[in-house]
């Protein structure tokens, strides 16, 4: 419940930032923050909190990502994103009478999708791809790759006259099973990405 309230507060804060950014500029973000060829690049820091059964053994995650936004139509971009996430396992937890540490999970997600600006600074985004598990042997699963999907909502606003921008988004990210027939081998979290774009 507390996590839901935190995420709701973040979404409201982003909506407020979007309105403030719109009031300060009359130029559309979809055209004012692109390179000469129209592509936007961003590098970001990511953090999140596990949800569902995944939260039973893991505390939070931290990582980073690179993203390219390629314009295809007015206010519509194709996105390509690659990053790294470390999901921290809980320490000294007891399962079936056995106490131990849950290993960290190290992921390399590679995703592509669409980003659409509903208004000049507020966007919705959906991505899908593959999440590669970098430490399969430590985690005890039988697959090193799973399908990953991530719906997101965010704001993007300019921070300089030369087109640099801040991109901040909240997303839900989840994978399919890393062990066949074991629902608890799915990874899911609510995440925040704050990126600097150029």
C-alpha atoms as a PDB file:
ATOM      1  CA  UNK A   1       0.000   0.000   0.000  1.00  0.00           C
ATOM      2  CA  UNK A   2       2.815   2.416   0.891  1.00  0.00           C
ATOM      3  CA  UNK A   3       4.526   1.655  -2.427  1.00  0.00           C
ATOM      4  CA  UNK A   4       1.327   2.418  -4.332  1.00  0.00           C
ATOM      5  CA  UNK A   5       1.024   5.767  -2.582  1.00  0.00           C
ATOM      6  CA  UNK A   6       4.655   6.628  -3.379  1.00  0.00           C
ATOM      7  CA  UNK A   7       4.187   5.802  -7.055  1.00  0.00           C
ATOM      8  CA  UNK A   8       0.940   7.799  -7.200  1.00  0.00           C
ATOM      9  CA  UNK A   9       2.734  10.779  -5.653  1.00  0.00           C
ATOM     10  CA  UNK A  10       5.533  10.490  -8.241  1.00  0.00           C
ATOM     11  CA  UNK A  11       3.022  10.401 -11.110  1.00  0.00           C
ATOM     12  CA  UNK A  12       1.281  13.504  -9.762  1.00  0.00           C
ATOM     13  CA  UNK A  13       4.625  15.260  -9.359  1.00  0.00           C
ATOM     14  CA  UNK A  14       5.533  14.478 -12.984  1.00  0.00           C
ATOM     15  CA  UNK A  15       2.168  15.780 -14.152  1.00  0.00           C
ATOM     16  CA  UNK A  16       2.819  18.992 -12.227  1.00  0.00           C
ATOM     17  CA  UNK A  17       6.281  19.304 -13.779  1.00  0.00           C
ATOM     18  CA  UNK A  18       4.723  18.846 -17.199  1.00  0.00           C
ATOM     19  CA  UNK A  19       2.230  21.667 -16.645  1.00  0.00           C
ATOM     20  CA  UNK A  20       4.987  23.941 -15.311  1.00  0.00           C
ATOM     21  CA  UNK A  21       7.264  23.168 -18.238  1.00  0.00           C
ATOM     22  CA  UNK A  22       4.424  23.789 -20.708  1.00  0.00           C
ATOM     23  CA  UNK A  23       3.729  27.159 -19.121  1.00  0.00           C
ATOM     24  CA  UNK A  24       7.382  28.193 -19.549  1.00  0.00           C
ATOM     25  CA  UNK A  25       7.763  27.287 -23.205  1.00  0.00           C
ATOM     26  CA  UNK A  26       5.639  27.526 -26.293  1.00  0.00           C
ATOM     27  CA  UNK A  27       7.920  25.320 -28.399  1.00  0.00           C
ATOM     28  CA  UNK A  28       6.952  21.675 -28.693  1.00  0.00           C
ATOM     29  CA  UNK A  29       9.335  19.282 -26.965  1.00  0.00           C
ATOM     30  CA  UNK A  30       8.920  16.875 -29.847  1.00  0.00           C
ATOM     31  CA  UNK A  31      10.755  19.293 -32.179  1.00  0.00           C
ATOM     32  CA  UNK A  32      12.908  21.486 -29.927  1.00  0.00           C
ATOM     33  CA  UNK A  33      15.056  18.806 -28.300  1.00  0.00           C
ATOM     34  CA  UNK A  34      16.348  16.771 -31.213  1.00  0.00           C
ATOM     35  CA  UNK A  35      19.702  16.457 -32.936  1.00  0.00           C
ATOM     36  CA  UNK A  36      20.226  17.636 -36.534  1.00  0.00           C
ATOM     37  CA  UNK A  37      19.026  14.252 -37.789  1.00  0.00           C
ATOM     38  CA  UNK A  38      16.033  14.355 -35.413  1.00  0.00           C
ATOM     39  CA  UNK A  39      17.263  11.623 -33.049  1.00  0.00           C
ATOM     40  CA  UNK A  40      17.353  12.286 -29.309  1.00  0.00           C
ATOM     41  CA  UNK A  41      19.865  10.523 -27.067  1.00  0.00           C
ATOM     42  CA  UNK A  42      19.667  10.216 -23.298  1.00  0.00           C
ATOM     43  CA  UNK A  43      21.609   8.591 -20.490  1.00  0.00           C
ATOM     44  CA  UNK A  44      19.783   7.872 -17.279  1.00  0.00           C
ATOM     45  CA  UNK A  45      19.874   6.533 -13.747  1.00  0.00           C
ATOM     46  CA  UNK A  46      17.249   3.954 -12.825  1.00  0.00           C
ATOM     47  CA  UNK A  47      15.878   2.741  -9.500  1.00  0.00           C
ATOM     48  CA  UNK A  48      12.921   0.624  -8.502  1.00  0.00           C
ATOM     49  CA  UNK A  49      11.084  -1.453  -5.950  1.00  0.00           C
ATOM     50  CA  UNK A  50      10.047  -5.077  -6.545  1.00  0.00           C
ATOM     51  CA  UNK A  51       6.339  -5.938  -6.654  1.00  0.00           C
ATOM     52  CA  UNK A  52       4.310  -9.138  -6.463  1.00  0.00           C
ATOM     53  CA  UNK A  53       6.000 -12.339  -5.272  1.00  0.00           C
ATOM     54  CA  UNK A  54       9.342 -10.936  -6.409  1.00  0.00           C
ATOM     55  CA  UNK A  55       9.386  -8.533  -3.454  1.00  0.00           C
ATOM     56  CA  UNK A  56       9.520 -11.471  -1.014  1.00  0.00           C
ATOM     57  CA  UNK A  57      13.207 -12.049  -1.763  1.00  0.00           C
ATOM     58  CA  UNK A  58      14.396  -8.720  -3.129  1.00  0.00           C
ATOM     59  CA  UNK A  59      14.575  -5.168  -1.748  1.00  0.00           C
ATOM     60  CA  UNK A  60      15.223  -2.678  -4.552  1.00  0.00           C
ATOM     61  CA  UNK A  61      17.140  -2.192  -7.782  1.00  0.00           C
ATOM     62  CA  UNK A  62      19.614   0.335  -9.137  1.00  0.00           C
ATOM     63  CA  UNK A  63      21.086   0.749 -12.596  1.00  0.00           C
ATOM     64  CA  UNK A  64      21.449   2.891 -15.666  1.00  0.00           C
ATOM     65  CA  UNK A  65      20.466   2.992 -19.305  1.00  0.00           C
ATOM     66  CA  UNK A  66      21.105   4.581 -22.693  1.00  0.00           C
ATOM     67  CA  UNK A  67      18.200   5.445 -24.960  1.00  0.00           C
ATOM     68  CA  UNK A  68      17.681   6.767 -28.478  1.00  0.00           C
ATOM     69  CA  UNK A  69      14.358   8.302 -29.557  1.00  0.00           C
ATOM     70  CA  UNK A  70      13.926   8.219 -33.348  1.00  0.00           C
ATOM     71  CA  UNK A  71      11.145  10.427 -34.786  1.00  0.00           C
ATOM     72  CA  UNK A  72       8.663   8.684 -37.096  1.00  0.00           C
ATOM     73  CA  UNK A  73       5.679  11.077 -37.041  1.00  0.00           C
ATOM     74  CA  UNK A  74       4.509  14.218 -35.303  1.00  0.00           C
ATOM     75  CA  UNK A  75       4.978  13.642 -31.547  1.00  0.00           C
ATOM     76  CA  UNK A  76       5.701   9.905 -32.121  1.00  0.00           C
ATOM     77  CA  UNK A  77       9.120   8.295 -31.642  1.00  0.00           C
ATOM     78  CA  UNK A  78      10.545   4.779 -31.898  1.00  0.00           C
ATOM     79  CA  UNK A  79      12.701   4.088 -28.839  1.00  0.00           C
ATOM     80  CA  UNK A  80      15.717   1.825 -28.459  1.00  0.00           C
ATOM     81  CA  UNK A  81      16.949   1.268 -24.897  1.00  0.00           C
ATOM     82  CA  UNK A  82      19.738  -0.805 -23.321  1.00  0.00           C
ATOM     83  CA  UNK A  83      20.860  -0.787 -19.721  1.00  0.00           C
ATOM     84  CA  UNK A  84      21.985  -2.593 -16.605  1.00  0.00           C
ATOM     85  CA  UNK A  85      20.006  -3.286 -13.429  1.00  0.00           C
ATOM     86  CA  UNK A  86      21.195  -4.830 -10.182  1.00  0.00           C
ATOM     87  CA  UNK A  87      18.318  -6.109  -8.031  1.00  0.00           C
ATOM     88  CA  UNK A  88      19.460  -6.450  -4.429  1.00  0.00           C
ATOM     89  CA  UNK A  89      18.524  -9.660  -2.629  1.00  0.00           C
ATOM     90  CA  UNK A  90      17.368  -9.724   0.979  1.00  0.00           C
ATOM     91  CA  UNK A  91      19.715 -10.964   3.693  1.00  0.00           C
ATOM     92  CA  UNK A  92      19.005 -13.533   6.403  1.00  0.00           C
ATOM     93  CA  UNK A  93      15.526 -14.556   5.278  1.00  0.00           C
ATOM     94  CA  UNK A  94      13.969 -17.891   6.208  1.00  0.00           C
ATOM     95  CA  UNK A  95      12.240 -20.046   3.603  1.00  0.00           C
ATOM     96  CA  UNK A  96      10.932 -23.529   4.506  1.00  0.00           C
ATOM     97  CA  UNK A  97      12.964 -23.486   7.726  1.00  0.00           C
ATOM     98  CA  UNK A  98      16.237 -22.555   5.996  1.00  0.00           C
ATOM     99  CA  UNK A  99      17.841 -19.157   6.637  1.00  0.00           C
ATOM    100  CA  UNK A 100      20.125 -17.547   4.089  1.00  0.00           C
ATOM    101  CA  UNK A 101      20.827 -14.673   1.744  1.00  0.00           C
ATOM    102  CA  UNK A 102      19.008 -14.242  -1.555  1.00  0.00           C
ATOM    103  CA  UNK A 103      21.534 -13.526  -4.344  1.00  0.00           C
ATOM    104  CA  UNK A 104      21.427 -10.262  -6.254  1.00  0.00           C
ATOM    105  CA  UNK A 105      20.042 -10.408  -9.786  1.00  0.00           C
ATOM    106  CA  UNK A 106      22.044  -8.691 -12.526  1.00  0.00           C
ATOM    107  CA  UNK A 107      20.065  -7.897 -15.660  1.00  0.00           C
ATOM    108  CA  UNK A 108      20.918  -6.462 -19.055  1.00  0.00           C
ATOM    109  CA  UNK A 109      17.568  -5.421 -20.603  1.00  0.00           C
ATOM    110  CA  UNK A 110      17.456  -4.506 -24.297  1.00  0.00           C
ATOM    111  CA  UNK A 111      14.139  -3.015 -25.408  1.00  0.00           C
ATOM    112  CA  UNK A 112      12.477  -1.197 -28.285  1.00  0.00           C
ATOM    113  CA  UNK A 113       9.127   0.524 -28.412  1.00  0.00           C
ATOM    114  CA  UNK A 114       7.094   3.658 -29.022  1.00  0.00           C
ATOM    115  CA  UNK A 115       6.939   7.013 -27.239  1.00  0.00           C
ATOM    116  CA  UNK A 116       4.010   9.333 -27.903  1.00  0.00           C
ATOM    117  CA  UNK A 117       3.662  12.890 -26.608  1.00  0.00           C
ATOM    118  CA  UNK A 118       0.075  13.390 -25.471  1.00  0.00           C
ATOM    119  CA  UNK A 119       0.857  17.076 -24.897  1.00  0.00           C
ATOM    120  CA  UNK A 120       4.215  18.783 -25.597  1.00  0.00           C
ATOM    121  CA  UNK A 121       5.943  17.638 -22.392  1.00  0.00           C
ATOM    122  CA  UNK A 122       3.908  14.603 -21.240  1.00  0.00           C
ATOM    123  CA  UNK A 123       4.398  11.218 -22.904  1.00  0.00           C
ATOM    124  CA  UNK A 124       3.303   7.610 -22.723  1.00  0.00           C
ATOM    125  CA  UNK A 125       5.743   4.911 -23.743  1.00  0.00           C
ATOM    126  CA  UNK A 126       5.656   1.172 -24.213  1.00  0.00           C
ATOM    127  CA  UNK A 127       8.688  -1.053 -24.754  1.00  0.00           C
ATOM    128  CA  UNK A 128       9.397  -4.766 -25.085  1.00  0.00           C
ATOM    129  CA  UNK A 129      12.461  -6.890 -25.672  1.00  0.00           C
ATOM    130  CA  UNK A 130      14.794  -9.315 -23.931  1.00  0.00           C
ATOM    131  CA  UNK A 131      16.291  -9.244 -20.433  1.00  0.00           C
ATOM    132  CA  UNK A 132      19.590 -11.125 -20.212  1.00  0.00           C
ATOM    133  CA  UNK A 133      20.451 -12.566 -16.787  1.00  0.00           C
ATOM    134  CA  UNK A 134      24.177 -12.023 -16.257  1.00  0.00           C
ATOM    135  CA  UNK A 135      24.580 -14.181 -13.140  1.00  0.00           C
ATOM    136  CA  UNK A 136      22.430 -17.218 -13.968  1.00  0.00           C
ATOM    137  CA  UNK A 137      24.592 -19.686 -12.018  1.00  0.00           C
ATOM    138  CA  UNK A 138      24.262 -17.710  -8.772  1.00  0.00           C
ATOM    139  CA  UNK A 139      20.488 -17.433  -8.992  1.00  0.00           C
ATOM    140  CA  UNK A 140      19.653 -21.103  -9.616  1.00  0.00           C
ATOM    141  CA  UNK A 141      17.385 -20.573 -12.638  1.00  0.00           C
ATOM    142  CA  UNK A 142      17.521 -22.552 -15.880  1.00  0.00           C
ATOM    143  CA  UNK A 143      17.219 -19.728 -18.457  1.00  0.00           C
ATOM    144  CA  UNK A 144      19.485 -16.769 -19.044  1.00  0.00           C
ATOM    145  CA  UNK A 145      17.041 -14.791 -21.215  1.00  0.00           C
ATOM    146  CA  UNK A 146      13.403 -13.777 -20.747  1.00  0.00           C
ATOM    147  CA  UNK A 147      10.901 -11.572 -22.540  1.00  0.00           C
ATOM    148  CA  UNK A 148      10.580  -8.142 -20.884  1.00  0.00           C
ATOM    149  CA  UNK A 149       7.916  -5.461 -21.263  1.00  0.00           C
ATOM    150  CA  UNK A 150       7.647  -1.984 -19.757  1.00  0.00           C
ATOM    151  CA  UNK A 151       4.770   0.521 -20.015  1.00  0.00           C
ATOM    152  CA  UNK A 152       5.816   4.006 -18.868  1.00  0.00           C
ATOM    153  CA  UNK A 153       4.521   7.529 -18.353  1.00  0.00           C
ATOM    154  CA  UNK A 154       6.815  10.512 -18.060  1.00  0.00           C
ATOM    155  CA  UNK A 155       7.708  14.130 -18.689  1.00  0.00           C
ATOM    156  CA  UNK A 156      10.402  15.657 -20.818  1.00  0.00           C
ATOM    157  CA  UNK A 157      11.368  19.307 -20.683  1.00  0.00           C
ATOM    158  CA  UNK A 158      14.188  21.461 -22.086  1.00  0.00           C
ATOM    159  CA  UNK A 159      16.949  22.702 -19.787  1.00  0.00           C
ATOM    160  CA  UNK A 160      19.047  24.706 -22.246  1.00  0.00           C
ATOM    161  CA  UNK A 161      18.733  26.676 -25.471  1.00  0.00           C
ATOM    162  CA  UNK A 162      20.815  24.118 -27.394  1.00  0.00           C
ATOM    163  CA  UNK A 163      18.220  21.372 -27.021  1.00  0.00           C
ATOM    164  CA  UNK A 164      19.405  19.485 -23.911  1.00  0.00           C
ATOM    165  CA  UNK A 165      16.574  18.107 -21.804  1.00  0.00           C
ATOM    166  CA  UNK A 166      15.580  16.160 -18.705  1.00  0.00           C
ATOM    167  CA  UNK A 167      13.473  13.024 -19.198  1.00  0.00           C
ATOM    168  CA  UNK A 168      11.828  11.525 -16.108  1.00  0.00           C
ATOM    169  CA  UNK A 169       9.485   8.552 -16.242  1.00  0.00           C
ATOM    170  CA  UNK A 170       7.744   6.032 -14.006  1.00  0.00           C
ATOM    171  CA  UNK A 171       7.249   2.517 -15.345  1.00  0.00           C
ATOM    172  CA  UNK A 172       6.175  -1.006 -14.522  1.00  0.00           C
ATOM    173  CA  UNK A 173       8.685  -3.551 -15.820  1.00  0.00           C
ATOM    174  CA  UNK A 174       8.204  -7.323 -15.828  1.00  0.00           C
ATOM    175  CA  UNK A 175       9.683 -10.446 -17.396  1.00  0.00           C
ATOM    176  CA  UNK A 176       8.467 -13.906 -18.235  1.00  0.00           C
ATOM    177  CA  UNK A 177       9.765 -16.896 -16.224  1.00  0.00           C
ATOM    178  CA  UNK A 178      13.482 -17.626 -15.936  1.00  0.00           C
ATOM    179  CA  UNK A 179      12.634 -21.177 -14.813  1.00  0.00           C
ATOM    180  CA  UNK A 180       9.959 -23.097 -16.693  1.00  0.00           C
ATOM    181  CA  UNK A 181       6.867 -23.744 -14.584  1.00  0.00           C
ATOM    182  CA  UNK A 182       8.035 -21.566 -11.663  1.00  0.00           C
ATOM    183  CA  UNK A 183       5.979 -18.365 -11.383  1.00  0.00           C
ATOM    184  CA  UNK A 184       8.329 -16.984  -8.713  1.00  0.00           C
ATOM    185  CA  UNK A 185      11.132 -16.810 -11.307  1.00  0.00           C
ATOM    186  CA  UNK A 186       9.440 -13.792 -12.937  1.00  0.00           C
ATOM    187  CA  UNK A 187      10.974 -10.388 -12.224  1.00  0.00           C
ATOM    188  CA  UNK A 188       8.702  -7.375 -11.771  1.00  0.00           C
ATOM    189  CA  UNK A 189       9.200  -3.911 -10.328  1.00  0.00           C
ATOM    190  CA  UNK A 190       7.991  -0.329 -10.333  1.00  0.00           C
ATOM    191  CA  UNK A 191      10.815   1.823 -11.608  1.00  0.00           C
ATOM    192  CA  UNK A 192      11.886   5.424 -12.003  1.00  0.00           C
ATOM    193  CA  UNK A 193      14.231   6.664 -14.747  1.00  0.00           C
ATOM    194  CA  UNK A 194      15.735  10.146 -14.635  1.00  0.00           C
ATOM    195  CA  UNK A 195      17.821  10.932 -17.700  1.00  0.00           C
ATOM    196  CA  UNK A 196      19.800  13.757 -19.246  1.00  0.00           C
ATOM    197  CA  UNK A 197      19.230  14.106 -22.968  1.00  0.00           C
ATOM    198  CA  UNK A 198      21.120  15.759 -25.774  1.00  0.00           C
END
